[in-house]
Every structure is written in structure tokens, then in C-alpha cells.
């Protein structure tokens, strides 16, 4: 009987410990870890900082021209090379306005244009002739170097019931040379010096342009 008594005592004691949380299983036992050795630790360097753009490395783009003669552009290139400047040579063909022609009518045939001319003679207009600027024939009434004078003449014709129009006459100039230059922004005084130099022609000038 004593044995049974002590068995019941031990069983009740086990249940009590389990209920109060004092019973620890193998999984709930704390895991022992080795101590941290701080003397062997080192800081890991971060990503290197990106260097900002150096303002002194920035450049401004210019073009020097136009040059009317090959000898002038060759001399200009030599002067730029002596200054330590690198340049590119570019050739262009430019359109220039030669004047303003006052025209009358768009006739399908030359005979129709000549008939209209005889009508102008009867009204007292002279000095005109028939031309064919495109698919149609027209009567050239006058030619002016300035647009304002051409417009004034057209207004006078309207008063006399003559309908006329203005056609711009252009001319392709001979090849012109330009020099493309890049100058560091910190050397802005160098650009001022270039602008003040004589490059062989009054139209030759240094102007800024978009880079790229």
C-alpha cells in the first residue's frame, strides 16, 4: 500500500509541474551559443561615392564661320591648332534671298498669257514679260530687292483692279566652310578673344551652338 501511495504522490507532482510550466521538454530548452568575439569583427565598407561632374570639365560648343575662301578656313584652322583647340570642318550650301518678283496670273498656255499682256498695255502698263516659273505661265510685272517695295507695288496694282502676287527668288551660294569648336567653360575668356579676331571676312563670326 505504501508503494501505491508514493506512486500516486509522484504522479500528482508530475502533473502539477507540467500544468505550471516548470516542465521543460528537450525542444524548449535554451540553445547554448558560443560567445561573440568582438575583437575579430570589422566594418564592411559601403559602396564608393560617385564623383560629381567636375564643372571645369564642361565645355561650350561654338561654330566659326562662314568662310568664303579655302585659304581663310585653312589659316583659321592653323590658328586654332596653335591655341590647343580641336575643331571639325563642315561644308554647307546656303540659300540667300536675291529679290522679290511681282507676278500676275497662272495661265495654262503662253497664248493666254500674251493676251493678258496686251490688256495691260491698253491700261498703260509696260515693261512686263511672260515667264514660266512652274507648270503655268505668268506675267512678270516687276522685280524688287526689298520686300516692302514689292508689297507697295502690289497694293498699287490692286487699286487698278490688277491682281498680283509676290514670289521670292533665291540663289544658292557657293560652298561655305564652318569650323566646329569645343571650348572648356572655365576658358570663357578664350571665346571672347576668338570673337574679337579678324578671320578674313566681315561675315565670319563665332556663335554658340548645341553640343552633340
N, C-alpha and C. Protein backbone atom coordinates (compact mmCIF):
# COMPACT_ATOMS: atom_id res chain seq x y z
N UNK A 1 0.83 -1.21 0.00
CA UNK A 1 0.00 0.00 0.00
C UNK A 1 0.86 1.26 0.00
N UNK A 2 1.95 1.17 0.71
CA UNK A 2 2.82 2.35 0.75
C UNK A 2 3.40 2.63 -0.64
N UNK A 3 3.69 1.56 -1.35
CA UNK A 3 4.25 1.75 -2.72
C UNK A 3 3.23 2.45 -3.60
N UNK A 4 2.00 2.01 -3.55
CA UNK A 4 0.94 2.63 -4.37
C UNK A 4 0.76 4.07 -3.96
N UNK A 5 0.87 4.34 -2.65
CA UNK A 5 0.70 5.70 -2.16
C UNK A 5 1.76 6.63 -2.74
N UNK A 6 2.99 6.20 -2.71
CA UNK A 6 4.08 7.05 -3.23
C UNK A 6 4.02 7.20 -4.75
N UNK A 7 3.54 6.18 -5.42
CA UNK A 7 3.37 6.29 -6.88
C UNK A 7 2.34 7.35 -7.21
N UNK A 8 1.24 7.38 -6.45
CA UNK A 8 0.21 8.40 -6.70
C UNK A 8 0.74 9.78 -6.39
N UNK A 9 1.57 9.88 -5.32
CA UNK A 9 2.14 11.19 -4.97
C UNK A 9 3.02 11.70 -6.09
N UNK A 10 3.87 10.83 -6.61
CA UNK A 10 4.78 11.24 -7.68
C UNK A 10 4.02 11.61 -8.96
N UNK A 11 2.95 10.87 -9.26
CA UNK A 11 2.16 11.15 -10.47
C UNK A 11 1.50 12.52 -10.36
N UNK A 12 0.93 12.81 -9.18
CA UNK A 12 0.29 14.12 -8.99
C UNK A 12 1.30 15.26 -9.06
N UNK A 13 2.50 15.00 -8.52
CA UNK A 13 3.54 16.03 -8.56
C UNK A 13 3.97 16.31 -10.01
N UNK A 14 4.05 15.28 -10.82
CA UNK A 14 4.40 15.47 -12.24
C UNK A 14 3.35 16.27 -12.98
N UNK A 15 2.09 15.96 -12.70
CA UNK A 15 1.02 16.72 -13.35
C UNK A 15 1.04 18.18 -12.93
N UNK A 16 1.35 18.41 -11.66
CA UNK A 16 1.40 19.79 -11.18
C UNK A 16 2.52 20.59 -11.86
N UNK A 17 3.66 19.98 -12.00
CA UNK A 17 4.78 20.67 -12.65
C UNK A 17 4.47 20.95 -14.12
N UNK A 18 3.85 20.04 -14.77
CA UNK A 18 3.50 20.25 -16.21
C UNK A 18 2.50 21.37 -16.36
N UNK A 19 1.52 21.45 -15.47
CA UNK A 19 0.48 22.48 -15.55
C UNK A 19 1.03 23.86 -15.27
N UNK A 20 2.02 23.97 -14.37
CA UNK A 20 2.57 25.28 -14.01
C UNK A 20 3.69 25.71 -14.92
N UNK A 21 4.06 24.94 -15.94
CA UNK A 21 5.07 25.34 -16.91
C UNK A 21 6.47 25.09 -16.51
N UNK A 22 6.68 24.37 -15.40
CA UNK A 22 8.04 24.10 -14.96
C UNK A 22 8.64 22.91 -15.64
N UNK A 23 7.80 22.22 -16.36
CA UNK A 23 8.31 21.04 -17.07
C UNK A 23 8.85 21.50 -18.42
N UNK A 24 10.04 21.23 -18.67
CA UNK A 24 10.70 21.65 -19.92
C UNK A 24 11.03 20.43 -20.74
N UNK A 25 10.61 20.53 -22.03
CA UNK A 25 10.96 19.46 -22.97
C UNK A 25 12.32 19.74 -23.56
N UNK A 26 12.84 18.80 -24.36
CA UNK A 26 14.14 18.94 -24.99
C UNK A 26 14.12 20.07 -26.02
N UNK A 27 12.93 20.24 -26.70
CA UNK A 27 12.82 21.28 -27.72
C UNK A 27 12.75 22.67 -27.11
N UNK A 28 12.20 22.79 -25.92
CA UNK A 28 12.04 24.11 -25.32
C UNK A 28 13.25 24.55 -24.53
N UNK A 29 14.21 23.71 -24.39
CA UNK A 29 15.40 24.08 -23.63
C UNK A 29 16.21 25.11 -24.39
N UNK A 30 16.80 26.11 -23.73
CA UNK A 30 17.58 27.14 -24.42
C UNK A 30 18.82 26.56 -25.09
N UNK A 31 19.13 27.10 -26.27
CA UNK A 31 20.28 26.63 -27.02
C UNK A 31 21.49 27.44 -26.60
N UNK A 32 22.55 26.79 -26.25
CA UNK A 32 23.75 27.47 -25.84
C UNK A 32 24.56 27.86 -27.07
N UNK A 33 24.91 29.14 -27.23
CA UNK A 33 25.67 29.64 -28.37
C UNK A 33 27.03 30.10 -27.89
N UNK A 34 28.02 29.99 -28.78
CA UNK A 34 29.35 30.44 -28.36
C UNK A 34 29.36 31.95 -28.18
N UNK A 35 30.18 32.47 -27.31
CA UNK A 35 30.22 33.93 -27.10
C UNK A 35 30.73 34.68 -28.34
N UNK A 36 30.21 35.90 -28.56
CA UNK A 36 30.60 36.71 -29.70
C UNK A 36 31.96 37.32 -29.45
N UNK A 37 32.86 37.12 -30.37
CA UNK A 37 34.21 37.66 -30.24
C UNK A 37 34.29 38.98 -31.00
N UNK A 38 34.08 40.07 -30.29
CA UNK A 38 34.02 41.38 -30.93
C UNK A 38 35.38 41.83 -31.47
N UNK A 39 36.46 41.30 -30.92
CA UNK A 39 37.77 41.75 -31.37
C UNK A 39 38.08 41.29 -32.79
N UNK A 40 37.33 40.28 -33.27
CA UNK A 40 37.57 39.78 -34.63
C UNK A 40 36.61 40.39 -35.64
N UNK A 41 35.75 41.29 -35.23
CA UNK A 41 34.78 41.89 -36.14
C UNK A 41 35.37 43.14 -36.78
N UNK A 42 34.91 43.43 -38.02
CA UNK A 42 35.38 44.61 -38.77
C UNK A 42 34.22 45.18 -39.56
N UNK A 43 34.23 46.48 -39.74
CA UNK A 43 33.18 47.14 -40.50
C UNK A 43 33.37 46.86 -41.99
N UNK A 44 32.27 46.56 -42.67
CA UNK A 44 32.31 46.33 -44.12
C UNK A 44 32.13 47.66 -44.82
N UNK A 45 33.04 48.06 -45.69
CA UNK A 45 32.89 49.36 -46.37
C UNK A 45 31.69 49.37 -47.29
N UNK A 46 31.03 50.53 -47.37
CA UNK A 46 29.87 50.66 -48.24
C UNK A 46 30.29 50.91 -49.68
N UNK A 47 29.29 51.19 -50.52
CA UNK A 47 29.56 51.47 -51.93
C UNK A 47 30.31 52.78 -52.06
N UNK A 48 31.27 52.85 -52.95
CA UNK A 48 32.02 54.11 -53.12
C UNK A 48 31.11 55.21 -53.64
N UNK A 49 31.32 56.42 -53.18
CA UNK A 49 30.54 57.56 -53.63
C UNK A 49 30.92 57.93 -55.06
N UNK A 50 29.89 58.25 -55.84
CA UNK A 50 30.13 58.67 -57.22
C UNK A 50 30.66 60.09 -57.24
N UNK A 51 31.70 60.26 -57.98
CA UNK A 51 32.29 61.59 -58.09
C UNK A 51 31.37 62.51 -58.85
N UNK A 52 31.06 63.68 -58.34
CA UNK A 52 30.22 64.62 -59.10
C UNK A 52 30.95 65.12 -60.34
N UNK A 53 30.15 65.60 -61.29
CA UNK A 53 30.74 66.11 -62.53
C UNK A 53 31.58 67.33 -62.22
N UNK A 54 32.77 67.29 -62.69
CA UNK A 54 33.68 68.40 -62.46
C UNK A 54 33.25 69.59 -63.31
N UNK A 55 32.89 70.71 -62.69
CA UNK A 55 32.45 71.86 -63.51
C UNK A 55 33.52 72.33 -64.48
N UNK A 56 34.79 72.14 -64.12
CA UNK A 56 35.84 72.61 -65.01
C UNK A 56 35.95 71.76 -66.25
N UNK A 57 35.35 70.52 -66.24
CA UNK A 57 35.43 69.65 -67.40
C UNK A 57 34.33 69.94 -68.42
N UNK A 58 33.37 70.79 -68.10
CA UNK A 58 32.28 71.10 -69.02
C UNK A 58 32.78 71.96 -70.16
N UNK A 59 32.16 71.76 -71.32
CA UNK A 59 32.57 72.52 -72.50
C UNK A 59 31.37 73.25 -73.08
N UNK A 60 31.65 74.30 -73.83
CA UNK A 60 30.64 75.04 -74.59
C UNK A 60 30.99 74.88 -76.06
N UNK A 61 29.99 74.60 -76.86
CA UNK A 61 30.21 74.35 -78.28
C UNK A 61 29.97 75.63 -79.09
N UNK A 62 30.86 75.87 -80.04
CA UNK A 62 30.80 77.05 -80.90
C UNK A 62 30.97 76.60 -82.34
N UNK A 63 30.60 77.50 -83.25
CA UNK A 63 30.95 77.33 -84.65
C UNK A 63 31.47 78.66 -85.17
N UNK A 64 32.52 78.57 -85.95
CA UNK A 64 33.19 79.73 -86.50
C UNK A 64 33.01 79.72 -88.00
N UNK A 65 32.41 80.80 -88.54
CA UNK A 65 32.17 80.85 -89.97
C UNK A 65 31.14 81.92 -90.31
N UNK A 66 30.70 82.01 -91.55
CA UNK A 66 31.18 81.20 -92.67
C UNK A 66 32.50 81.74 -93.24
N UNK A 67 33.26 80.84 -93.85
CA UNK A 67 34.49 81.22 -94.55
C UNK A 67 34.22 81.16 -96.05
N UNK A 68 34.52 82.27 -96.74
CA UNK A 68 34.23 82.38 -98.16
C UNK A 68 35.32 81.74 -99.03
N UNK A 69 36.54 81.68 -98.49
CA UNK A 69 37.66 81.15 -99.28
C UNK A 69 38.34 80.02 -98.52
N UNK A 70 38.86 79.07 -99.27
CA UNK A 70 39.55 77.94 -98.63
C UNK A 70 40.79 78.39 -97.89
N UNK A 71 41.48 79.41 -98.41
CA UNK A 71 42.69 79.88 -97.76
C UNK A 71 42.37 80.45 -96.38
N UNK A 72 41.20 81.10 -96.24
CA UNK A 72 40.83 81.67 -94.94
C UNK A 72 40.53 80.59 -93.91
N UNK A 73 39.82 79.55 -94.33
CA UNK A 73 39.49 78.49 -93.37
C UNK A 73 40.74 77.69 -93.00
N UNK A 74 41.66 77.55 -93.93
CA UNK A 74 42.92 76.85 -93.61
C UNK A 74 43.73 77.64 -92.58
N UNK A 75 43.81 78.95 -92.78
CA UNK A 75 44.55 79.79 -91.82
C UNK A 75 43.87 79.78 -90.45
N UNK A 76 42.54 79.80 -90.45
CA UNK A 76 41.81 79.78 -89.18
C UNK A 76 42.07 78.47 -88.44
N UNK A 77 42.10 77.35 -89.18
CA UNK A 77 42.38 76.07 -88.54
C UNK A 77 43.77 76.04 -87.93
N UNK A 78 44.72 76.65 -88.59
CA UNK A 78 46.08 76.70 -88.05
C UNK A 78 46.14 77.54 -86.77
N UNK A 79 45.42 78.64 -86.75
CA UNK A 79 45.41 79.49 -85.56
C UNK A 79 44.77 78.76 -84.38
N UNK A 80 43.68 78.04 -84.64
CA UNK A 80 43.03 77.29 -83.56
C UNK A 80 43.94 76.19 -83.03
N UNK A 81 44.68 75.52 -83.94
CA UNK A 81 45.59 74.46 -83.51
C UNK A 81 46.70 75.01 -82.62
N UNK A 82 47.20 76.20 -82.95
CA UNK A 82 48.25 76.80 -82.12
C UNK A 82 47.72 77.15 -80.72
N UNK A 83 46.41 77.39 -80.63
CA UNK A 83 45.81 77.67 -79.32
C UNK A 83 45.47 76.40 -78.55
N UNK A 84 45.73 75.26 -79.15
CA UNK A 84 45.43 74.00 -78.49
C UNK A 84 43.98 73.57 -78.60
N UNK A 85 43.24 74.13 -79.57
CA UNK A 85 41.82 73.80 -79.74
C UNK A 85 41.65 72.78 -80.86
N UNK A 86 40.78 71.81 -80.61
CA UNK A 86 40.43 70.80 -81.61
C UNK A 86 39.16 71.25 -82.33
N UNK A 87 39.11 71.10 -83.63
CA UNK A 87 37.96 71.56 -84.41
C UNK A 87 37.60 70.53 -85.48
N UNK A 88 36.36 70.63 -85.95
CA UNK A 88 35.88 69.84 -87.09
C UNK A 88 35.42 70.80 -88.18
N UNK A 89 35.72 70.45 -89.40
CA UNK A 89 35.37 71.30 -90.54
C UNK A 89 34.07 70.79 -91.17
N UNK A 90 33.16 71.73 -91.43
CA UNK A 90 31.86 71.39 -92.03
C UNK A 90 31.59 72.30 -93.22
N UNK A 91 31.07 71.71 -94.29
CA UNK A 91 30.78 72.45 -95.52
C UNK A 91 29.27 72.50 -95.74
N UNK A 92 28.78 73.67 -96.11
CA UNK A 92 27.35 73.87 -96.35
C UNK A 92 27.13 74.66 -97.64
N UNK A 93 25.93 74.48 -98.19
CA UNK A 93 25.47 75.31 -99.30
C UNK A 93 24.24 76.07 -98.81
N UNK A 94 24.30 77.37 -98.83
CA UNK A 94 23.25 78.20 -98.23
C UNK A 94 22.42 78.89 -99.30
N UNK A 95 21.12 79.00 -99.01
CA UNK A 95 20.19 79.72 -99.85
C UNK A 95 20.09 81.17 -99.38
N UNK A 96 20.19 82.10 -100.29
CA UNK A 96 20.05 83.51 -99.97
C UNK A 96 18.95 84.11 -100.83
N UNK A 97 18.24 85.08 -100.25
CA UNK A 97 17.17 85.77 -100.97
C UNK A 97 17.81 86.79 -101.92
N UNK A 98 17.50 86.63 -103.19
CA UNK A 98 18.04 87.53 -104.20
C UNK A 98 17.13 88.72 -104.45
N UNK A 99 15.83 88.50 -104.28
CA UNK A 99 14.87 89.58 -104.50
C UNK A 99 13.45 89.06 -104.50
N UNK A 100 12.50 89.95 -104.88
CA UNK A 100 11.07 89.64 -104.85
C UNK A 100 10.46 90.01 -106.19
N UNK A 101 9.89 89.03 -106.84
CA UNK A 101 9.30 89.24 -108.16
C UNK A 101 7.79 89.34 -108.02
N UNK A 102 7.20 90.33 -108.69
CA UNK A 102 5.75 90.52 -108.69
C UNK A 102 5.20 89.89 -109.96
N UNK A 103 4.29 88.93 -109.77
CA UNK A 103 3.74 88.16 -110.88
C UNK A 103 2.24 88.33 -110.96
N UNK A 104 1.73 88.15 -112.17
CA UNK A 104 0.28 88.22 -112.40
C UNK A 104 -0.18 86.96 -113.12
N UNK A 105 -1.20 86.34 -112.56
CA UNK A 105 -1.88 85.23 -113.22
C UNK A 105 -1.12 83.91 -113.21
N UNK A 106 -1.92 82.85 -113.46
CA UNK A 106 -1.41 81.50 -113.72
C UNK A 106 -2.15 80.97 -114.94
N UNK A 107 -1.51 81.08 -116.07
CA UNK A 107 -2.14 80.75 -117.35
C UNK A 107 -1.69 79.37 -117.82
N UNK A 108 -2.66 78.64 -118.39
CA UNK A 108 -2.35 77.29 -118.85
C UNK A 108 -1.48 77.30 -120.09
N UNK A 109 -1.61 78.31 -120.95
CA UNK A 109 -0.82 78.37 -122.18
C UNK A 109 -0.15 79.74 -122.28
N UNK A 110 0.87 79.79 -123.11
CA UNK A 110 1.56 81.06 -123.33
C UNK A 110 0.67 82.04 -124.09
N UNK A 111 -0.18 81.54 -124.98
CA UNK A 111 -1.07 82.42 -125.72
C UNK A 111 -2.00 83.18 -124.77
N UNK A 112 -2.50 82.49 -123.76
CA UNK A 112 -3.36 83.16 -122.78
C UNK A 112 -2.59 84.25 -122.03
N UNK A 113 -1.35 83.97 -121.72
CA UNK A 113 -0.54 84.96 -121.02
C UNK A 113 -0.26 86.17 -121.90
N UNK A 114 0.01 85.95 -123.19
CA UNK A 114 0.27 87.06 -124.11
C UNK A 114 -0.98 87.91 -124.31
N UNK A 115 -2.14 87.26 -124.34
CA UNK A 115 -3.39 88.00 -124.46
C UNK A 115 -3.60 88.92 -123.25
N UNK A 116 -3.26 88.41 -122.04
CA UNK A 116 -3.39 89.23 -120.84
C UNK A 116 -2.38 90.38 -120.87
N UNK A 117 -1.24 90.16 -121.46
CA UNK A 117 -0.23 91.22 -121.58
C UNK A 117 -0.75 92.37 -122.43
N UNK A 118 -1.40 92.04 -123.52
CA UNK A 118 -1.93 93.10 -124.38
C UNK A 118 -2.99 93.92 -123.65
N UNK A 119 -3.72 93.27 -122.76
CA UNK A 119 -4.68 94.02 -121.94
C UNK A 119 -3.98 94.99 -121.00
N UNK A 120 -2.82 94.61 -120.47
CA UNK A 120 -2.06 95.52 -119.60
C UNK A 120 -1.52 96.71 -120.37
N UNK A 121 -1.12 96.47 -121.62
CA UNK A 121 -0.60 97.56 -122.45
C UNK A 121 -1.69 98.59 -122.68
N UNK A 122 -2.90 98.12 -122.91
CA UNK A 122 -4.01 99.04 -123.14
C UNK A 122 -4.28 99.89 -121.89
N UNK A 123 -3.95 99.34 -120.71
CA UNK A 123 -4.15 100.09 -119.47
C UNK A 123 -2.97 101.00 -119.16
N UNK A 124 -1.96 100.97 -120.01
CA UNK A 124 -0.82 101.86 -119.82
C UNK A 124 0.36 101.24 -119.10
N UNK A 125 0.33 99.90 -118.91
CA UNK A 125 1.45 99.23 -118.25
C UNK A 125 2.41 98.69 -119.30
N UNK A 126 3.71 98.94 -119.07
CA UNK A 126 4.73 98.47 -119.99
C UNK A 126 5.88 97.86 -119.18
N UNK A 127 6.80 97.26 -119.89
CA UNK A 127 7.97 96.68 -119.23
C UNK A 127 7.73 95.33 -118.59
N UNK A 128 6.69 94.62 -118.97
CA UNK A 128 6.39 93.29 -118.42
C UNK A 128 6.66 92.23 -119.49
N UNK A 129 6.77 90.99 -119.05
CA UNK A 129 7.06 89.90 -119.98
C UNK A 129 6.51 88.60 -119.40
N UNK A 130 6.43 87.59 -120.25
CA UNK A 130 5.86 86.29 -119.87
C UNK A 130 6.98 85.36 -119.41
N UNK A 131 6.76 84.70 -118.30
CA UNK A 131 7.71 83.70 -117.80
C UNK A 131 6.94 82.44 -117.42
N UNK A 132 7.69 81.37 -117.20
CA UNK A 132 7.07 80.12 -116.77
C UNK A 132 7.81 79.61 -115.52
N UNK A 133 7.43 80.07 -114.34
CA UNK A 133 8.13 79.67 -113.13
C UNK A 133 7.83 78.25 -112.68
N UNK A 134 6.77 77.66 -113.17
CA UNK A 134 6.39 76.30 -112.79
C UNK A 134 5.65 75.64 -113.94
N UNK A 135 4.52 75.03 -113.62
CA UNK A 135 3.72 74.39 -114.67
C UNK A 135 2.91 75.39 -115.46
N UNK A 136 2.67 76.56 -114.88
CA UNK A 136 1.85 77.57 -115.54
C UNK A 136 2.70 78.75 -116.01
N UNK A 137 2.08 79.56 -116.87
CA UNK A 137 2.71 80.80 -117.36
C UNK A 137 2.21 81.96 -116.51
N UNK A 138 3.09 82.94 -116.31
CA UNK A 138 2.73 84.14 -115.56
C UNK A 138 3.35 85.35 -116.24
N UNK A 139 2.86 86.51 -115.85
CA UNK A 139 3.39 87.78 -116.37
C UNK A 139 4.21 88.43 -115.26
N UNK A 140 5.50 88.66 -115.56
CA UNK A 140 6.37 89.32 -114.59
C UNK A 140 6.19 90.83 -114.71
N UNK A 141 5.71 91.44 -113.64
CA UNK A 141 5.42 92.87 -113.66
C UNK A 141 6.55 93.72 -113.08
N UNK A 142 7.39 93.14 -112.25
CA UNK A 142 8.48 93.92 -111.66
C UNK A 142 9.32 93.06 -110.73
N UNK A 143 10.50 93.57 -110.45
CA UNK A 143 11.43 92.86 -109.55
C UNK A 143 12.01 93.87 -108.56
N UNK A 144 12.01 93.49 -107.26
CA UNK A 144 12.43 94.41 -106.21
C UNK A 144 13.40 93.70 -105.26
N UNK A 145 14.38 94.47 -104.78
CA UNK A 145 15.33 93.93 -103.82
C UNK A 145 14.77 93.90 -102.40
N UNK A 146 13.82 94.79 -102.13
CA UNK A 146 13.26 94.88 -100.79
C UNK A 146 11.80 94.45 -100.81
N UNK A 147 11.41 93.70 -99.77
CA UNK A 147 10.05 93.19 -99.71
C UNK A 147 9.03 94.30 -99.55
N UNK A 148 9.35 95.34 -98.81
CA UNK A 148 8.40 96.43 -98.59
C UNK A 148 8.03 97.13 -99.90
N UNK A 149 9.01 97.29 -100.77
CA UNK A 149 8.73 97.93 -102.06
C UNK A 149 7.87 97.04 -102.95
N UNK A 150 8.11 95.74 -102.89
CA UNK A 150 7.28 94.81 -103.67
C UNK A 150 5.84 94.82 -103.16
N UNK A 151 5.64 94.86 -101.85
CA UNK A 151 4.30 94.89 -101.29
C UNK A 151 3.59 96.20 -101.65
N UNK A 152 4.33 97.31 -101.66
CA UNK A 152 3.73 98.59 -102.04
C UNK A 152 3.26 98.57 -103.49
N UNK A 153 4.06 97.96 -104.37
CA UNK A 153 3.68 97.87 -105.79
C UNK A 153 2.44 97.00 -105.98
N UNK A 154 2.33 95.91 -105.22
CA UNK A 154 1.16 95.04 -105.31
C UNK A 154 -0.09 95.80 -104.87
N UNK A 155 0.02 96.60 -103.83
CA UNK A 155 -1.14 97.38 -103.36
C UNK A 155 -1.57 98.40 -104.41
N UNK A 156 -0.62 99.00 -105.10
CA UNK A 156 -0.97 99.94 -106.17
C UNK A 156 -1.70 99.23 -107.31
N UNK A 157 -1.28 98.02 -107.62
CA UNK A 157 -1.95 97.26 -108.68
C UNK A 157 -3.38 96.89 -108.29
N UNK A 158 -3.59 96.60 -107.01
CA UNK A 158 -4.94 96.25 -106.57
C UNK A 158 -5.90 97.43 -106.75
N UNK A 159 -5.39 98.62 -106.53
CA UNK A 159 -6.24 99.82 -106.72
C UNK A 159 -6.71 99.92 -108.18
N UNK A 160 -5.84 99.44 -109.08
CA UNK A 160 -6.17 99.49 -110.51
C UNK A 160 -6.79 98.18 -111.00
N UNK A 161 -7.30 97.39 -110.07
CA UNK A 161 -8.02 96.15 -110.38
C UNK A 161 -7.12 95.11 -111.05
N UNK A 162 -5.87 95.09 -110.68
CA UNK A 162 -4.93 94.09 -111.19
C UNK A 162 -4.48 93.22 -110.02
N UNK A 163 -4.78 91.93 -110.14
CA UNK A 163 -4.45 91.00 -109.07
C UNK A 163 -3.05 90.44 -109.30
N UNK A 164 -2.16 90.68 -108.36
CA UNK A 164 -0.76 90.23 -108.49
C UNK A 164 -0.33 89.57 -107.19
N UNK A 165 0.78 88.87 -107.27
CA UNK A 165 1.33 88.18 -106.11
C UNK A 165 2.85 88.35 -106.09
N UNK A 166 3.45 88.03 -104.96
CA UNK A 166 4.90 88.16 -104.78
C UNK A 166 5.52 86.76 -104.70
N UNK A 167 6.58 86.57 -105.45
CA UNK A 167 7.31 85.31 -105.41
C UNK A 167 8.77 85.61 -105.06
N UNK A 168 9.26 84.94 -104.04
CA UNK A 168 10.64 85.15 -103.59
C UNK A 168 11.59 84.42 -104.54
N UNK A 169 12.63 85.11 -104.96
CA UNK A 169 13.65 84.48 -105.79
C UNK A 169 14.92 84.29 -104.96
N UNK A 170 15.33 83.05 -104.85
CA UNK A 170 16.51 82.72 -104.05
C UNK A 170 17.65 82.27 -104.95
N UNK A 171 18.81 82.26 -104.38
CA UNK A 171 20.01 81.83 -105.09
C UNK A 171 20.85 80.98 -104.14
N UNK A 172 21.38 79.89 -104.67
CA UNK A 172 22.24 79.04 -103.87
C UNK A 172 23.66 79.57 -103.92
N UNK A 173 24.17 79.94 -102.78
CA UNK A 173 25.54 80.43 -102.73
C UNK A 173 26.53 79.30 -102.93
N UNK A 174 27.76 79.67 -103.21
CA UNK A 174 28.79 78.66 -103.30
C UNK A 174 29.02 78.04 -101.93
N UNK A 175 29.78 76.97 -101.93
CA UNK A 175 30.04 76.26 -100.68
C UNK A 175 30.66 77.18 -99.64
N UNK A 176 30.18 77.04 -98.42
CA UNK A 176 30.72 77.81 -97.31
C UNK A 176 31.26 76.83 -96.27
N UNK A 177 32.37 77.21 -95.64
CA UNK A 177 33.01 76.36 -94.64
C UNK A 177 32.77 76.91 -93.24
N UNK A 178 32.58 75.98 -92.30
CA UNK A 178 32.41 76.31 -90.89
C UNK A 178 33.34 75.43 -90.06
N UNK A 179 33.81 75.95 -88.94
CA UNK A 179 34.63 75.20 -88.02
C UNK A 179 33.88 74.99 -86.71
N UNK A 180 33.69 73.74 -86.33
CA UNK A 180 33.01 73.40 -85.08
C UNK A 180 34.06 73.26 -83.97
N UNK A 181 33.88 74.00 -82.88
CA UNK A 181 34.88 74.08 -81.82
C UNK A 181 34.21 73.80 -80.47
N UNK A 182 34.95 73.15 -79.57
CA UNK A 182 34.53 72.98 -78.18
C UNK A 182 35.56 73.66 -77.27
N UNK A 183 35.07 74.55 -76.43
CA UNK A 183 35.95 75.31 -75.53
C UNK A 183 35.53 75.03 -74.10
N UNK A 184 36.47 74.66 -73.20
CA UNK A 184 36.11 74.44 -71.79
C UNK A 184 35.44 75.67 -71.19
N UNK A 185 34.45 75.41 -70.35
CA UNK A 185 33.69 76.51 -69.77
C UNK A 185 34.56 77.44 -68.95
N UNK A 186 35.60 76.88 -68.32
CA UNK A 186 36.47 77.71 -67.49
C UNK A 186 37.30 78.68 -68.34
N UNK A 187 37.42 78.43 -69.66
CA UNK A 187 38.20 79.29 -70.54
C UNK A 187 37.28 80.20 -71.35
N UNK A 188 36.28 80.80 -70.70
CA UNK A 188 35.36 81.66 -71.42
C UNK A 188 36.06 82.89 -72.00
N UNK A 189 37.17 83.28 -71.39
CA UNK A 189 37.91 84.41 -71.93
C UNK A 189 38.50 84.08 -73.30
N UNK A 190 38.81 82.81 -73.52
CA UNK A 190 39.33 82.40 -74.82
C UNK A 190 38.29 82.60 -75.91
N UNK A 191 37.02 82.31 -75.61
CA UNK A 191 35.95 82.54 -76.58
C UNK A 191 35.81 84.02 -76.90
N UNK A 192 35.96 84.87 -75.88
CA UNK A 192 35.90 86.31 -76.12
C UNK A 192 37.04 86.77 -77.03
N UNK A 193 38.20 86.17 -76.85
CA UNK A 193 39.33 86.53 -77.70
C UNK A 193 39.08 86.12 -79.16
N UNK A 194 38.48 84.95 -79.35
CA UNK A 194 38.20 84.48 -80.70
C UNK A 194 37.19 85.39 -81.41
N UNK A 195 36.21 85.87 -80.64
CA UNK A 195 35.21 86.75 -81.23
C UNK A 195 35.81 88.06 -81.70
N UNK A 196 36.86 88.52 -81.05
CA UNK A 196 37.46 89.79 -81.42
C UNK A 196 38.53 89.69 -82.50
N UNK A 197 38.81 88.49 -83.00
CA UNK A 197 39.86 88.32 -84.01
C UNK A 197 39.33 88.57 -85.41
N UNK A 198 40.23 88.92 -86.31
CA UNK A 198 39.92 89.11 -87.73
C UNK A 198 40.13 87.78 -88.44
N UNK A 199 39.05 87.26 -89.03
CA UNK A 199 39.12 85.95 -89.69
C UNK A 199 39.09 86.05 -91.20
N UNK A 200 39.29 87.24 -91.75
CA UNK A 200 39.41 87.39 -93.19
C UNK A 200 38.17 87.83 -93.91
N UNK A 201 37.01 87.89 -93.21
CA UNK A 201 35.77 88.32 -93.86
C UNK A 201 34.84 88.88 -92.80
N UNK A 202 34.07 89.88 -93.19
CA UNK A 202 33.19 90.55 -92.23
C UNK A 202 32.08 89.63 -91.72
N UNK A 203 31.64 88.66 -92.53
CA UNK A 203 30.55 87.78 -92.13
C UNK A 203 31.01 86.66 -91.20
N UNK A 204 32.30 86.41 -91.12
CA UNK A 204 32.81 85.33 -90.28
C UNK A 204 32.69 85.71 -88.81
N UNK A 205 32.07 84.84 -88.02
CA UNK A 205 31.81 85.17 -86.62
C UNK A 205 31.80 83.86 -85.80
N UNK A 206 31.94 84.02 -84.51
CA UNK A 206 31.90 82.90 -83.58
C UNK A 206 30.58 82.94 -82.83
N UNK A 207 29.79 81.89 -82.93
CA UNK A 207 28.49 81.82 -82.27
C UNK A 207 28.37 80.47 -81.56
N UNK A 208 27.56 80.43 -80.52
CA UNK A 208 27.32 79.19 -79.79
C UNK A 208 26.37 78.30 -80.59
N UNK A 209 26.46 77.01 -80.34
CA UNK A 209 25.60 76.03 -80.98
C UNK A 209 25.36 74.89 -80.00
N UNK A 210 24.29 74.08 -80.20
CA UNK A 210 24.06 72.92 -79.32
C UNK A 210 25.17 71.90 -79.49
N UNK A 211 25.59 71.31 -78.38
CA UNK A 211 26.61 70.26 -78.45
C UNK A 211 25.96 68.93 -78.85
N UNK A 212 26.74 68.09 -79.49
CA UNK A 212 26.25 66.78 -79.89
C UNK A 212 25.83 66.71 -81.33
